[in-house]
Amino acid sequence: MLDFDKTFENEIKFSKDDRGNQDLTLKIEQLEKENYQLKKDISFKIEEVQALYLEVKLVRKLDEQHQMLNGKLRCEIENAKKEGDKLMIKKITKYETENHRLRKQNKLLEEELEMMLLHP
């Protein structure tokens, strides 16, 4: 026959603390547990705040870069518009001059034709 522990002292675990609510050691243990959990929570929150701070810093940097790029692009657009306007004015002036010259030439040809018809 095998020898085994018949006292059950290793199998039984007491889960009820028989110390009363007024026991100072119990209060200290409870407060220490609470303190530990609060420190753990604070540590986690500090890490979370630091991560959010870095994210906000990155977003602000990206926003600043976006604003700078947007400003440069607006300047380029404005310059392109001005250049386009200059080219259009130049072409319009050229075509108006050509149109004026052709009207003059047309008028001279009409006068010459009229002269030919009146004086054959």
PDB file of N, CA and C in Angstrom:
ATOM      1  N   MET A   1       0.829  -1.175   0.000  1.00  0.00           N
ATOM      2  CA  MET A   1       0.000   0.000   0.000  1.00  0.00           C
ATOM      3  C   MET A   1       0.875   1.241   0.000  1.00  0.00           C
ATOM      4  N   LEU A   2       0.437   2.254  -0.797  1.00  0.00           N
ATOM      5  CA  LEU A   2       1.194   3.494  -0.902  1.00  0.00           C
ATOM      6  C   LEU A   2       0.894   4.420   0.259  1.00  0.00           C
ATOM      7  N   ASP A   3       1.950   5.086   0.666  1.00  0.00           N
ATOM      8  CA  ASP A   3       1.769   6.071   1.721  1.00  0.00           C
ATOM      9  C   ASP A   3       1.329   7.399   1.108  1.00  0.00           C
ATOM     10  N   PHE A   4       0.297   7.981   1.619  1.00  0.00           N
ATOM     11  CA  PHE A   4      -0.104   9.298   1.117  1.00  0.00           C
ATOM     12  C   PHE A   4      -0.596  10.148   2.278  1.00  0.00           C
ATOM     13  N   ASP A   5      -0.644  11.423   1.999  1.00  0.00           N
ATOM     14  CA  ASP A   5      -1.003  12.389   3.037  1.00  0.00           C
ATOM     15  C   ASP A   5      -2.491  12.312   3.311  1.00  0.00           C
ATOM     16  N   LYS A   6      -2.852  11.968   4.521  1.00  0.00           N
ATOM     17  CA  LYS A   6      -4.259  11.838   4.879  1.00  0.00           C
ATOM     18  C   LYS A   6      -4.762  13.063   5.654  1.00  0.00           C
ATOM     19  N   THR A   7      -3.922  14.037   5.830  1.00  0.00           N
ATOM     20  CA  THR A   7      -4.315  15.195   6.628  1.00  0.00           C
ATOM     21  C   THR A   7      -5.022  16.260   5.790  1.00  0.00           C
ATOM     22  N   PHE A   8      -4.891  16.206   4.477  1.00  0.00           N
ATOM     23  CA  PHE A   8      -5.499  17.164   3.538  1.00  0.00           C
ATOM     24  C   PHE A   8      -4.985  18.597   3.734  1.00  0.00           C
ATOM     25  N   GLU A   9      -3.917  18.753   4.461  1.00  0.00           N
ATOM     26  CA  GLU A   9      -3.417  20.105   4.684  1.00  0.00           C
ATOM     27  C   GLU A   9      -2.855  20.738   3.416  1.00  0.00           C
ATOM     28  N   ASN A  10      -2.382  19.908   2.484  1.00  0.00           N
ATOM     29  CA  ASN A  10      -1.861  20.449   1.229  1.00  0.00           C
ATOM     30  C   ASN A  10      -2.977  20.740   0.231  1.00  0.00           C
ATOM     31  N   GLU A  11      -4.134  20.135   0.397  1.00  0.00           N
ATOM     32  CA  GLU A  11      -5.223  20.290  -0.552  1.00  0.00           C
ATOM     33  C   GLU A  11      -6.152  21.448  -0.188  1.00  0.00           C
ATOM     34  N   ILE A  12      -6.199  21.786   1.036  1.00  0.00           N
ATOM     35  CA  ILE A  12      -7.145  22.810   1.479  1.00  0.00           C
ATOM     36  C   ILE A  12      -6.447  24.169   1.480  1.00  0.00           C
ATOM     37  N   LYS A  13      -7.126  25.114   0.814  1.00  0.00           N
ATOM     38  CA  LYS A  13      -6.626  26.490   0.838  1.00  0.00           C
ATOM     39  C   LYS A  13      -7.746  27.373   1.365  1.00  0.00           C
ATOM     40  N   PHE A  14      -7.419  28.158   2.317  1.00  0.00           N
ATOM     41  CA  PHE A  14      -8.424  29.037   2.898  1.00  0.00           C
ATOM     42  C   PHE A  14      -8.509  30.296   2.053  1.00  0.00           C
ATOM     43  N   SER A  15      -9.722  30.573   1.616  1.00  0.00           N
ATOM     44  CA  SER A  15      -9.892  31.767   0.790  1.00  0.00           C
ATOM     45  C   SER A  15     -10.472  32.922   1.592  1.00  0.00           C
ATOM     46  N   LYS A  16     -11.059  32.613   2.707  1.00  0.00           N
ATOM     47  CA  LYS A  16     -11.647  33.650   3.523  1.00  0.00           C
ATOM     48  C   LYS A  16     -10.614  34.164   4.510  1.00  0.00           C
ATOM     49  N   ASP A  17     -10.520  35.466   4.506  1.00  0.00           N
ATOM     50  CA  ASP A  17      -9.609  36.099   5.453  1.00  0.00           C
ATOM     51  C   ASP A  17     -10.410  36.378   6.720  1.00  0.00           C
ATOM     52  N   ASP A  18      -9.951  35.862   7.803  1.00  0.00           N
ATOM     53  CA  ASP A  18     -10.721  36.002   9.039  1.00  0.00           C
ATOM     54  C   ASP A  18     -10.417  37.313   9.764  1.00  0.00           C
ATOM     55  N   ARG A  19      -9.615  38.144   9.132  1.00  0.00           N
ATOM     56  CA  ARG A  19      -9.340  39.438   9.759  1.00  0.00           C
ATOM     57  C   ARG A  19     -10.547  40.353   9.523  1.00  0.00           C
ATOM     58  N   GLY A  20     -10.871  41.144  10.431  1.00  0.00           N
ATOM     59  CA  GLY A  20     -12.029  42.026  10.312  1.00  0.00           C
ATOM     60  C   GLY A  20     -11.710  43.284   9.500  1.00  0.00           C
ATOM     61  N   ASN A  21     -12.750  44.061   9.230  1.00  0.00           N
ATOM     62  CA  ASN A  21     -12.588  45.295   8.446  1.00  0.00           C
ATOM     63  C   ASN A  21     -11.723  46.327   9.157  1.00  0.00           C
ATOM     64  N   GLN A  22     -11.630  46.227  10.441  1.00  0.00           N
ATOM     65  CA  GLN A  22     -10.871  47.198  11.211  1.00  0.00           C
ATOM     66  C   GLN A  22      -9.400  46.811  11.364  1.00  0.00           C
ATOM     67  N   ASP A  23      -8.998  45.676  10.844  1.00  0.00           N
ATOM     68  CA  ASP A  23      -7.621  45.202  10.969  1.00  0.00           C
ATOM     69  C   ASP A  23      -6.711  46.078  10.115  1.00  0.00           C
ATOM     70  N   LEU A  24      -5.723  46.679  10.731  1.00  0.00           N
ATOM     71  CA  LEU A  24      -4.835  47.615  10.036  1.00  0.00           C
ATOM     72  C   LEU A  24      -3.957  46.929   8.991  1.00  0.00           C
ATOM     73  N   THR A  25      -3.494  45.732   9.272  1.00  0.00           N
ATOM     74  CA  THR A  25      -2.657  45.036   8.280  1.00  0.00           C
ATOM     75  C   THR A  25      -3.464  44.713   7.029  1.00  0.00           C
ATOM     76  N   LEU A  26      -4.741  44.368   7.217  1.00  0.00           N
ATOM     77  CA  LEU A  26      -5.618  44.122   6.070  1.00  0.00           C
ATOM     78  C   LEU A  26      -5.819  45.407   5.275  1.00  0.00           C
ATOM     79  N   LYS A  27      -6.081  46.488   5.966  1.00  0.00           N
ATOM     80  CA  LYS A  27      -6.246  47.795   5.302  1.00  0.00           C
ATOM     81  C   LYS A  27      -4.982  48.180   4.542  1.00  0.00           C
ATOM     82  N   ILE A  28      -3.831  47.982   5.155  1.00  0.00           N
ATOM     83  CA  ILE A  28      -2.558  48.320   4.502  1.00  0.00           C
ATOM     84  C   ILE A  28      -2.372  47.486   3.244  1.00  0.00           C
ATOM     85  N   GLU A  29      -2.655  46.192   3.328  1.00  0.00           N
ATOM     86  CA  GLU A  29      -2.512  45.315   2.160  1.00  0.00           C
ATOM     87  C   GLU A  29      -3.449  45.751   1.037  1.00  0.00           C
ATOM     88  N   GLN A  30      -4.689  46.086   1.395  1.00  0.00           N
ATOM     89  CA  GLN A  30      -5.651  46.531   0.384  1.00  0.00           C
ATOM     90  C   GLN A  30      -5.183  47.839  -0.263  1.00  0.00           C
ATOM     91  N   LEU A  31      -4.716  48.770   0.546  1.00  0.00           N
ATOM     92  CA  LEU A  31      -4.240  50.052   0.017  1.00  0.00           C
ATOM     93  C   LEU A  31      -2.985  49.878  -0.835  1.00  0.00           C
ATOM     94  N   GLU A  32      -2.120  48.958  -0.445  1.00  0.00           N
ATOM     95  CA  GLU A  32      -0.923  48.685  -1.246  1.00  0.00           C
ATOM     96  C   GLU A  32      -1.297  48.114  -2.610  1.00  0.00           C
ATOM     97  N   LYS A  33      -2.281  47.204  -2.622  1.00  0.00           N
ATOM     98  CA  LYS A  33      -2.751  46.644  -3.897  1.00  0.00           C
ATOM     99  C   LYS A  33      -3.362  47.741  -4.768  1.00  0.00           C
ATOM    100  N   GLU A  34      -4.163  48.569  -4.137  1.00  0.00           N
ATOM    101  CA  GLU A  34      -4.800  49.667  -4.871  1.00  0.00           C
ATOM    102  C   GLU A  34      -3.744  50.648  -5.395  1.00  0.00           C
ATOM    103  N   ASN A  35      -2.767  50.949  -4.548  1.00  0.00           N
ATOM    104  CA  ASN A  35      -1.674  51.843  -4.927  1.00  0.00           C
ATOM    105  C   ASN A  35      -0.890  51.271  -6.109  1.00  0.00           C
ATOM    106  N   TYR A  36      -0.592  49.980  -6.037  1.00  0.00           N
ATOM    107  CA  TYR A  36       0.132  49.314  -7.129  1.00  0.00           C
ATOM    108  C   TYR A  36      -0.660  49.398  -8.433  1.00  0.00           C
ATOM    109  N   GLN A  37      -1.968  49.130  -8.359  1.00  0.00           N
ATOM    110  CA  GLN A  37      -2.811  49.167  -9.564  1.00  0.00           C
ATOM    111  C   GLN A  37      -2.891  50.591 -10.123  1.00  0.00           C
ATOM    112  N   LEU A  38      -3.003  51.571  -9.232  1.00  0.00           N
ATOM    113  CA  LEU A  38      -3.058  52.962  -9.678  1.00  0.00           C
ATOM    114  C   LEU A  38      -1.749  53.393 -10.341  1.00  0.00           C
ATOM    115  N   LYS A  39      -0.628  52.979  -9.768  1.00  0.00           N
ATOM    116  CA  LYS A  39       0.674  53.291 -10.379  1.00  0.00           C
ATOM    117  C   LYS A  39       0.789  52.646 -11.752  1.00  0.00           C
ATOM    118  N   LYS A  40       0.304  51.421 -11.847  1.00  0.00           N
ATOM    119  CA  LYS A  40       0.325  50.702 -13.124  1.00  0.00           C
ATOM    120  C   LYS A  40      -0.551  51.436 -14.150  1.00  0.00           C
ATOM    121  N   ASP A  41      -1.748  51.862 -13.725  1.00  0.00           N
ATOM    122  CA  ASP A  41      -2.653  52.612 -14.609  1.00  0.00           C
ATOM    123  C   ASP A  41      -2.034  53.934 -15.044  1.00  0.00           C
ATOM    124  N   ILE A  42      -1.420  54.638 -14.095  1.00  0.00           N
ATOM    125  CA  ILE A  42      -0.774  55.919 -14.416  1.00  0.00           C
ATOM    126  C   ILE A  42       0.363  55.714 -15.409  1.00  0.00           C
ATOM    127  N   SER A  43       1.145  54.683 -15.188  1.00  0.00           N
ATOM    128  CA  SER A  43       2.250  54.392 -16.094  1.00  0.00           C
ATOM    129  C   SER A  43       1.725  54.146 -17.511  1.00  0.00           C
ATOM    130  N   PHE A  44       0.658  53.364 -17.601  1.00  0.00           N
ATOM    131  CA  PHE A  44       0.051  53.093 -18.909  1.00  0.00           C
ATOM    132  C   PHE A  44      -0.467  54.383 -19.550  1.00  0.00           C
ATOM    133  N   LYS A  45      -1.114  55.227 -18.756  1.00  0.00           N
ATOM    134  CA  LYS A  45      -1.655  56.497 -19.271  1.00  0.00           C
ATOM    135  C   LYS A  45      -0.537  57.427 -19.714  1.00  0.00           C
ATOM    136  N   ILE A  46       0.564  57.438 -18.995  1.00  0.00           N
ATOM    137  CA  ILE A  46       1.708  58.274 -19.379  1.00  0.00           C
ATOM    138  C   ILE A  46       2.237  57.824 -20.733  1.00  0.00           C
ATOM    139  N   GLU A  47       2.364  56.521 -20.918  1.00  0.00           N
ATOM    140  CA  GLU A  47       2.817  56.007 -22.215  1.00  0.00           C
ATOM    141  C   GLU A  47       1.832  56.378 -23.322  1.00  0.00           C
ATOM    142  N   GLU A  48       0.554  56.287 -23.012  1.00  0.00           N
ATOM    143  CA  GLU A  48      -0.479  56.635 -23.988  1.00  0.00           C
ATOM    144  C   GLU A  48      -0.400  58.119 -24.353  1.00  0.00           C
ATOM    145  N   VAL A  49      -0.216  58.971 -23.351  1.00  0.00           N
ATOM    146  CA  VAL A  49      -0.100  60.414 -23.582  1.00  0.00           C
ATOM    147  C   VAL A  49       1.140  60.718 -24.426  1.00  0.00           C
ATOM    148  N   GLN A  50       2.238  60.052 -24.133  1.00  0.00           N
ATOM    149  CA  GLN A  50       3.460  60.269 -24.905  1.00  0.00           C
ATOM    150  C   GLN A  50       3.270  59.860 -26.357  1.00  0.00           C
ATOM    151  N   ALA A  51       2.600  58.745 -26.593  1.00  0.00           N
ATOM    152  CA  ALA A  51       2.344  58.292 -27.955  1.00  0.00           C
ATOM    153  C   ALA A  51       1.437  59.283 -28.684  1.00  0.00           C
ATOM    154  N   LEU A  52       0.416  59.767 -27.994  1.00  0.00           N
ATOM    155  CA  LEU A  52      -0.484  60.758 -28.596  1.00  0.00           C
ATOM    156  C   LEU A  52       0.241  62.065 -28.871  1.00  0.00           C
ATOM    157  N   TYR A  53       1.127  62.456 -27.971  1.00  0.00           N
ATOM    158  CA  TYR A  53       1.912  63.679 -28.168  1.00  0.00           C
ATOM    159  C   TYR A  53       2.758  63.561 -29.433  1.00  0.00           C
ATOM    160  N   LEU A  54       3.418  62.422 -29.589  1.00  0.00           N
ATOM    161  CA  LEU A  54       4.230  62.219 -30.790  1.00  0.00           C
ATOM    162  C   LEU A  54       3.373  62.233 -32.055  1.00  0.00           C
ATOM    163  N   GLU A  55       2.190  61.654 -31.968  1.00  0.00           N
ATOM    164  CA  GLU A  55       1.295  61.641 -33.116  1.00  0.00           C
ATOM    165  C   GLU A  55       0.836  63.062 -33.462  1.00  0.00           C
ATOM    166  N   VAL A  56       0.482  63.839 -32.451  1.00  0.00           N
ATOM    167  CA  VAL A  56       0.062  65.224 -32.676  1.00  0.00           C
ATOM    168  C   VAL A  56       1.218  66.027 -33.272  1.00  0.00           C
ATOM    169  N   LYS A  57       2.405  65.803 -32.749  1.00  0.00           N
ATOM    170  CA  LYS A  57       3.593  66.512 -33.256  1.00  0.00           C
ATOM    171  C   LYS A  57       3.809  66.184 -34.736  1.00  0.00           C
ATOM    172  N   LEU A  58       3.660  64.906 -35.096  1.00  0.00           N
ATOM    173  CA  LEU A  58       3.813  64.479 -36.485  1.00  0.00           C
ATOM    174  C   LEU A  58       2.742  65.103 -37.365  1.00  0.00           C
ATOM    175  N   VAL A  59       1.500  65.117 -36.882  1.00  0.00           N
ATOM    176  CA  VAL A  59       0.402  65.698 -37.662  1.00  0.00           C
ATOM    177  C   VAL A  59       0.635  67.196 -37.873  1.00  0.00           C
ATOM    178  N   ARG A  60       1.111  67.880 -36.853  1.00  0.00           N
ATOM    179  CA  ARG A  60       1.384  69.318 -36.989  1.00  0.00           C
ATOM    180  C   ARG A  60       2.498  69.561 -38.001  1.00  0.00           C
ATOM    181  N   LYS A  61       3.520  68.716 -37.961  1.00  0.00           N
ATOM    182  CA  LYS A  61       4.621  68.851 -38.918  1.00  0.00           C
ATOM    183  C   LYS A  61       4.113  68.614 -40.340  1.00  0.00           C
ATOM    184  N   LEU A  62       3.289  67.574 -40.520  1.00  0.00           N
ATOM    185  CA  LEU A  62       2.718  67.294 -41.834  1.00  0.00           C
ATOM    186  C   LEU A  62       1.835  68.451 -42.294  1.00  0.00           C
ATOM    187  N   ASP A  63       1.061  69.017 -41.371  1.00  0.00           N
ATOM    188  CA  ASP A  63       0.198  70.148 -41.708  1.00  0.00           C
ATOM    189  C   ASP A  63       1.032  71.348 -42.149  1.00  0.00           C
ATOM    190  N   GLU A  64       2.107  71.587 -41.434  1.00  0.00           N
ATOM    191  CA  GLU A  64       2.997  72.703 -41.785  1.00  0.00           C
ATOM    192  C   GLU A  64       3.605  72.494 -43.174  1.00  0.00           C
ATOM    193  N   GLN A  65       4.061  71.279 -43.450  1.00  0.00           N
ATOM    194  CA  GLN A  65       4.616  70.973 -44.769  1.00  0.00           C
ATOM    195  C   GLN A  65       3.555  71.114 -45.848  1.00  0.00           C
ATOM    196  N   HIS A  66       2.346  70.678 -45.546  1.00  0.00           N
ATOM    197  CA  HIS A  66       1.245  70.786 -46.505  1.00  0.00           C
ATOM    198  C   HIS A  66       0.951  72.254 -46.803  1.00  0.00           C
ATOM    199  N   GLN A  67       0.928  73.083 -45.768  1.00  0.00           N
ATOM    200  CA  GLN A  67       0.668  74.510 -45.967  1.00  0.00           C
ATOM    201  C   GLN A  67       1.759  75.151 -46.814  1.00  0.00           C
ATOM    202  N   MET A  68       3.024  74.776 -46.564  1.00  0.00           N
ATOM    203  CA  MET A  68       4.123  75.330 -47.355  1.00  0.00           C
ATOM    204  C   MET A  68       3.993  74.916 -48.817  1.00  0.00           C
ATOM    205  N   LEU A  69       3.727  73.638 -49.051  1.00  0.00           N
ATOM    206  CA  LEU A  69       3.564  73.133 -50.408  1.00  0.00           C
ATOM    207  C   LEU A  69       2.370  73.795 -51.086  1.00  0.00           C
ATOM    208  N   ASN A  70       1.284  73.931 -50.352  1.00  0.00           N
ATOM    209  CA  ASN A  70       0.097  74.571 -50.889  1.00  0.00           C
ATOM    210  C   ASN A  70       0.398  76.020 -51.295  1.00  0.00           C
ATOM    211  N   GLY A  71       1.158  76.718 -50.462  1.00  0.00           N
ATOM    212  CA  GLY A  71       1.549  78.099 -50.787  1.00  0.00           C
ATOM    213  C   GLY A  71       2.392  78.168 -52.054  1.00  0.00           C
ATOM    214  N   LYS A  72       3.351  77.257 -52.174  1.00  0.00           N
ATOM    215  CA  LYS A  72       4.201  77.225 -53.373  1.00  0.00           C
ATOM    216  C   LYS A  72       3.362  76.933 -54.615  1.00  0.00           C
ATOM    217  N   LEU A  73       2.449  75.975 -54.494  1.00  0.00           N
ATOM    218  CA  LEU A  73       1.610  75.626 -55.641  1.00  0.00           C
ATOM    219  C   LEU A  73       0.700  76.785 -56.032  1.00  0.00           C
ATOM    220  N   ARG A  74       0.178  77.496 -55.057  1.00  0.00           N
ATOM    221  CA  ARG A  74      -0.656  78.675 -55.366  1.00  0.00           C
ATOM    222  C   ARG A  74       0.153  79.727 -56.122  1.00  0.00           C
ATOM    223  N   CYS A  75       1.402  79.936 -55.704  1.00  0.00           N
ATOM    224  CA  CYS A  75       2.272  80.893 -56.402  1.00  0.00           C
ATOM    225  C   CYS A  75       2.522  80.434 -57.837  1.00  0.00           C
ATOM    226  N   GLU A  76       2.797  79.132 -58.004  1.00  0.00           N
ATOM    227  CA  GLU A  76       3.033  78.603 -59.347  1.00  0.00           C
ATOM    228  C   GLU A  76       1.792  78.761 -60.219  1.00  0.00           C
ATOM    229  N   ILE A  77       0.631  78.505 -59.662  1.00  0.00           N
ATOM    230  CA  ILE A  77      -0.615  78.662 -60.409  1.00  0.00           C
ATOM    231  C   ILE A  77      -0.810  80.123 -60.807  1.00  0.00           C
ATOM    232  N   GLU A  78      -0.573  81.010 -59.863  1.00  0.00           N
ATOM    233  CA  GLU A  78      -0.725  82.444 -60.139  1.00  0.00           C
ATOM    234  C   GLU A  78       0.246  82.894 -61.235  1.00  0.00           C
ATOM    235  N   ASN A  79       1.491  82.419 -61.143  1.00  0.00           N
ATOM    236  CA  ASN A  79       2.467  82.764 -62.183  1.00  0.00           C
ATOM    237  C   ASN A  79       2.068  82.195 -63.533  1.00  0.00           C
ATOM    238  N   ALA A  80       1.551  80.964 -63.539  1.00  0.00           N
ATOM    239  CA  ALA A  80       1.118  80.343 -64.795  1.00  0.00           C
ATOM    240  C   ALA A  80      -0.056  81.122 -65.390  1.00  0.00           C
ATOM    241  N   LYS A  81      -0.971  81.575 -64.542  1.00  0.00           N
ATOM    242  CA  LYS A  81      -2.099  82.381 -65.024  1.00  0.00           C
ATOM    243  C   LYS A  81      -1.604  83.689 -65.632  1.00  0.00           C
ATOM    244  N   LYS A  82      -0.670  84.332 -64.942  1.00  0.00           N
ATOM    245  CA  LYS A  82      -0.132  85.599 -65.463  1.00  0.00           C
ATOM    246  C   LYS A  82       0.566  85.376 -66.786  1.00  0.00           C
ATOM    247  N   GLU A  83       1.352  84.307 -66.871  1.00  0.00           N
ATOM    248  CA  GLU A  83       2.057  83.994 -68.114  1.00  0.00           C
ATOM    249  C   GLU A  83       1.063  83.691 -69.227  1.00  0.00           C
ATOM    250  N   GLY A  84       0.014  82.939 -68.893  1.00  0.00           N
ATOM    251  CA  GLY A  84      -1.035  82.635 -69.872  1.00  0.00           C
ATOM    252  C   GLY A  84      -1.734  83.895 -70.336  1.00  0.00           C
ATOM    253  N   ASP A  85      -2.019  84.794 -69.395  1.00  0.00           N
ATOM    254  CA  ASP A  85      -2.659  86.066 -69.753  1.00  0.00           C
ATOM    255  C   ASP A  85      -1.760  86.877 -70.684  1.00  0.00           C
ATOM    256  N   LYS A  86      -0.461  86.917 -70.380  1.00  0.00           N
ATOM    257  CA  LYS A  86       0.482  87.653 -71.237  1.00  0.00           C
ATOM    258  C   LYS A  86       0.498  87.077 -72.649  1.00  0.00           C
ATOM    259  N   LEU A  87       0.523  85.741 -72.735  1.00  0.00           N
ATOM    260  CA  LEU A  87       0.532  85.095 -74.052  1.00  0.00           C
ATOM    261  C   LEU A  87      -0.755  85.376 -74.810  1.00  0.00           C
ATOM    262  N   MET A  88      -1.885  85.335 -74.127  1.00  0.00           N
ATOM    263  CA  MET A  88      -3.163  85.621 -74.771  1.00  0.00           C
ATOM    264  C   MET A  88      -3.218  87.065 -75.265  1.00  0.00           C
ATOM    265  N   ILE A  89      -2.768  87.998 -74.443  1.00  0.00           N
ATOM    266  CA  ILE A  89      -2.751  89.411 -74.847  1.00  0.00           C
ATOM    267  C   ILE A  89      -1.856  89.594 -76.057  1.00  0.00           C
ATOM    268  N   LYS A  90      -0.706  88.928 -76.024  1.00  0.00           N
ATOM    269  CA  LYS A  90       0.229  89.028 -77.145  1.00  0.00           C
ATOM    270  C   LYS A  90      -0.411  88.490 -78.433  1.00  0.00           C
ATOM    271  N   LYS A  91      -1.088  87.344 -78.347  1.00  0.00           N
ATOM    272  CA  LYS A  91      -1.741  86.760 -79.525  1.00  0.00           C
ATOM    273  C   LYS A  91      -2.894  87.639 -79.999  1.00  0.00           C
ATOM    274  N   ILE A  92      -3.693  88.129 -79.037  1.00  0.00           N
ATOM    275  CA  ILE A  92      -4.817  88.998 -79.404  1.00  0.00           C
ATOM    276  C   ILE A  92      -4.306  90.243 -80.108  1.00  0.00           C
ATOM    277  N   THR A  93      -3.246  90.833 -79.564  1.00  0.00           N
ATOM    278  CA  THR A  93      -2.660  92.026 -80.186  1.00  0.00           C
ATOM    279  C   THR A  93      -2.171  91.707 -81.593  1.00  0.00           C
ATOM    280  N   LYS A  94      -1.513  90.572 -81.737  1.00  0.00           N
ATOM    281  CA  LYS A  94      -0.999  90.153 -83.048  1.00  0.00           C
ATOM    282  C   LYS A  94      -2.151  89.982 -84.050  1.00  0.00           C
ATOM    283  N   TYR A  95      -3.231  89.281 -83.616  1.00  0.00           N
ATOM    284  CA  TYR A  95      -4.358  89.058 -84.512  1.00  0.00           C
ATOM    285  C   TYR A  95      -5.124  90.350 -84.791  1.00  0.00           C
ATOM    286  N   GLU A  96      -5.224  91.243 -83.825  1.00  0.00           N
ATOM    287  CA  GLU A  96      -5.872  92.534 -84.066  1.00  0.00           C
ATOM    288  C   GLU A  96      -5.078  93.347 -85.071  1.00  0.00           C
ATOM    289  N   THR A  97      -3.765  93.330 -84.928  1.00  0.00           N
ATOM    290  CA  THR A  97      -2.912  94.057 -85.884  1.00  0.00           C
ATOM    291  C   THR A  97      -3.079  93.465 -87.279  1.00  0.00           C
ATOM    292  N   GLU A  98      -3.067  92.128 -87.351  1.00  0.00           N
ATOM    293  CA  GLU A  98      -3.235  91.452 -88.644  1.00  0.00           C
ATOM    294  C   GLU A  98      -4.621  91.741 -89.212  1.00  0.00           C
ATOM    295  N   ASN A  99      -5.636  91.710 -88.380  1.00  0.00           N
ATOM    296  CA  ASN A  99      -7.003  91.996 -88.797  1.00  0.00           C
ATOM    297  C   ASN A  99      -7.115  93.433 -89.314  1.00  0.00           C
ATOM    298  N   HIS A 100      -6.520  94.359 -88.608  1.00  0.00           N
ATOM    299  CA  HIS A 100      -6.527  95.760 -89.015  1.00  0.00           C
ATOM    300  C   HIS A 100      -5.821  95.927 -90.368  1.00  0.00           C
ATOM    301  N   ARG A 101      -4.676  95.263 -90.527  1.00  0.00           N
ATOM    302  CA  ARG A 101      -3.930  95.336 -91.790  1.00  0.00           C
ATOM    303  C   ARG A 101      -4.758  94.765 -92.937  1.00  0.00           C
ATOM    304  N   LEU A 102      -5.421  93.619 -92.677  1.00  0.00           N
ATOM    305  CA  LEU A 102      -6.238  92.994 -93.721  1.00  0.00           C
ATOM    306  C   LEU A 102      -7.454  93.860 -94.078  1.00  0.00           C
ATOM    307  N   ARG A 103      -8.054  94.512 -93.110  1.00  0.00           N
ATOM    308  CA  ARG A 103      -9.174  95.422 -93.395  1.00  0.00           C
ATOM    309  C   ARG A 103      -8.726  96.591 -94.265  1.00  0.00           C
ATOM    310  N   LYS A 104      -7.545  97.093 -93.918  1.00  0.00           N
ATOM    311  CA  LYS A 104      -6.991  98.197 -94.709  1.00  0.00           C
ATOM    312  C   LYS A 104      -6.749  97.734 -96.149  1.00  0.00           C
ATOM    313  N   GLN A 105      -6.141  96.565 -96.254  1.00  0.00           N
ATOM    314  CA  GLN A 105      -5.832  96.012 -97.572  1.00  0.00           C
ATOM    315  C   GLN A 105      -7.138  95.751 -98.339  1.00  0.00           C
ATOM    316  N   ASN A 106      -8.158  95.244 -97.635  1.00  0.00           N
ATOM    317  CA  ASN A 106      -9.452  94.980 -98.250  1.00  0.00           C
ATOM    318  C   ASN A 106     -10.086  96.284 -98.750  1.00  0.00           C
ATOM    319  N   LYS A 107      -9.985  97.322 -97.939  1.00  0.00           N
ATOM    320  CA  LYS A 107     -10.529  98.630 -98.323  1.00  0.00           C
ATOM    321  C   LYS A 107      -9.812  99.163 -99.545  1.00  0.00           C
ATOM    322  N   LEU A 108      -8.487  99.015 -99.571  1.00  0.00           N
ATOM    323  CA  LEU A 108      -7.713  99.493-100.734  1.00  0.00           C
ATOM    324  C   LEU A 108      -8.112  98.705-101.988  1.00  0.00           C
ATOM    325  N   LEU A 109      -8.312  97.414-101.835  1.00  0.00           N
ATOM    326  CA  LEU A 109      -8.710  96.596-102.976  1.00  0.00           C
ATOM    327  C   LEU A 109     -10.117  96.980-103.461  1.00  0.00           C
ATOM    328  N   GLU A 110     -11.006  97.295-102.520  1.00  0.00           N
ATOM    329  CA  GLU A 110     -12.348  97.736-102.906  1.00  0.00           C
ATOM    330  C   GLU A 110     -12.280  99.048-103.681  1.00  0.00           C
ATOM    331  N   GLU A 111     -11.456  99.956-103.176  1.00  0.00           N
ATOM    332  CA  GLU A 111     -11.304 101.251-103.865  1.00  0.00           C
ATOM    333  C   GLU A 111     -10.710 101.047-105.256  1.00  0.00           C
ATOM    334  N   GLU A 112      -9.730 100.191-105.351  1.00  0.00           N
ATOM    335  CA  GLU A 112      -9.085  99.917-106.641  1.00  0.00           C
ATOM    336  C   GLU A 112     -10.091  99.275-107.602  1.00  0.00           C
ATOM    337  N   LEU A 113     -10.917  98.365-107.102  1.00  0.00           N
ATOM    338  CA  LEU A 113     -11.934  97.712-107.922  1.00  0.00           C
ATOM    339  C   LEU A 113     -12.978  98.725-108.386  1.00  0.00           C
ATOM    340  N   GLU A 114     -13.355  99.612-107.480  1.00  0.00           N
ATOM    341  CA  GLU A 114     -14.314 100.638-107.835  1.00  0.00           C
ATOM    342  C   GLU A 114     -13.769 101.560-108.919  1.00  0.00           C
ATOM    343  N   MET A 115     -12.508 101.864-108.799  1.00  0.00           N
ATOM    344  CA  MET A 115     -11.846 102.715-109.803  1.00  0.00           C
ATOM    345  C   MET A 115     -11.822 101.996-111.161  1.00  0.00           C
ATOM    346  N   MET A 116     -11.579 100.698-111.108  1.00  0.00           N
ATOM    347  CA  MET A 116     -11.520  99.940-112.354  1.00  0.00           C
ATOM    348  C   MET A 116     -12.898  99.838-113.013  1.00  0.00           C
ATOM    349  N   LEU A 117     -13.909  99.762-112.180  1.00  0.00           N
ATOM    350  CA  LEU A 117     -15.248  99.660-112.730  1.00  0.00           C
ATOM    351  C   LEU A 117     -15.742 101.002-113.244  1.00  0.00           C
ATOM    352  N   LEU A 118     -15.365 102.074-112.623  1.00  0.00           N
ATOM    353  CA  LEU A 118     -15.778 103.412-113.047  1.00  0.00           C
ATOM    354  C   LEU A 118     -14.973 103.883-114.266  1.00  0.00           C
ATOM    355  N   HIS A 119     -13.733 103.522-114.299  1.00  0.00           N
ATOM    356  CA  HIS A 119     -12.862 103.937-115.402  1.00  0.00           C
ATOM    357  C   HIS A 119     -12.291 102.691-116.075  1.00  0.00           C
ATOM    358  N   PRO A 120     -13.051 102.164-117.010  1.00  0.00           N
ATOM    359  CA  PRO A 120     -12.584 100.950-117.659  1.00  0.00           C
ATOM    360  C   PRO A 120     -11.415 101.104-118.573  1.00  0.00           C
TER     361      PRO A 120
END
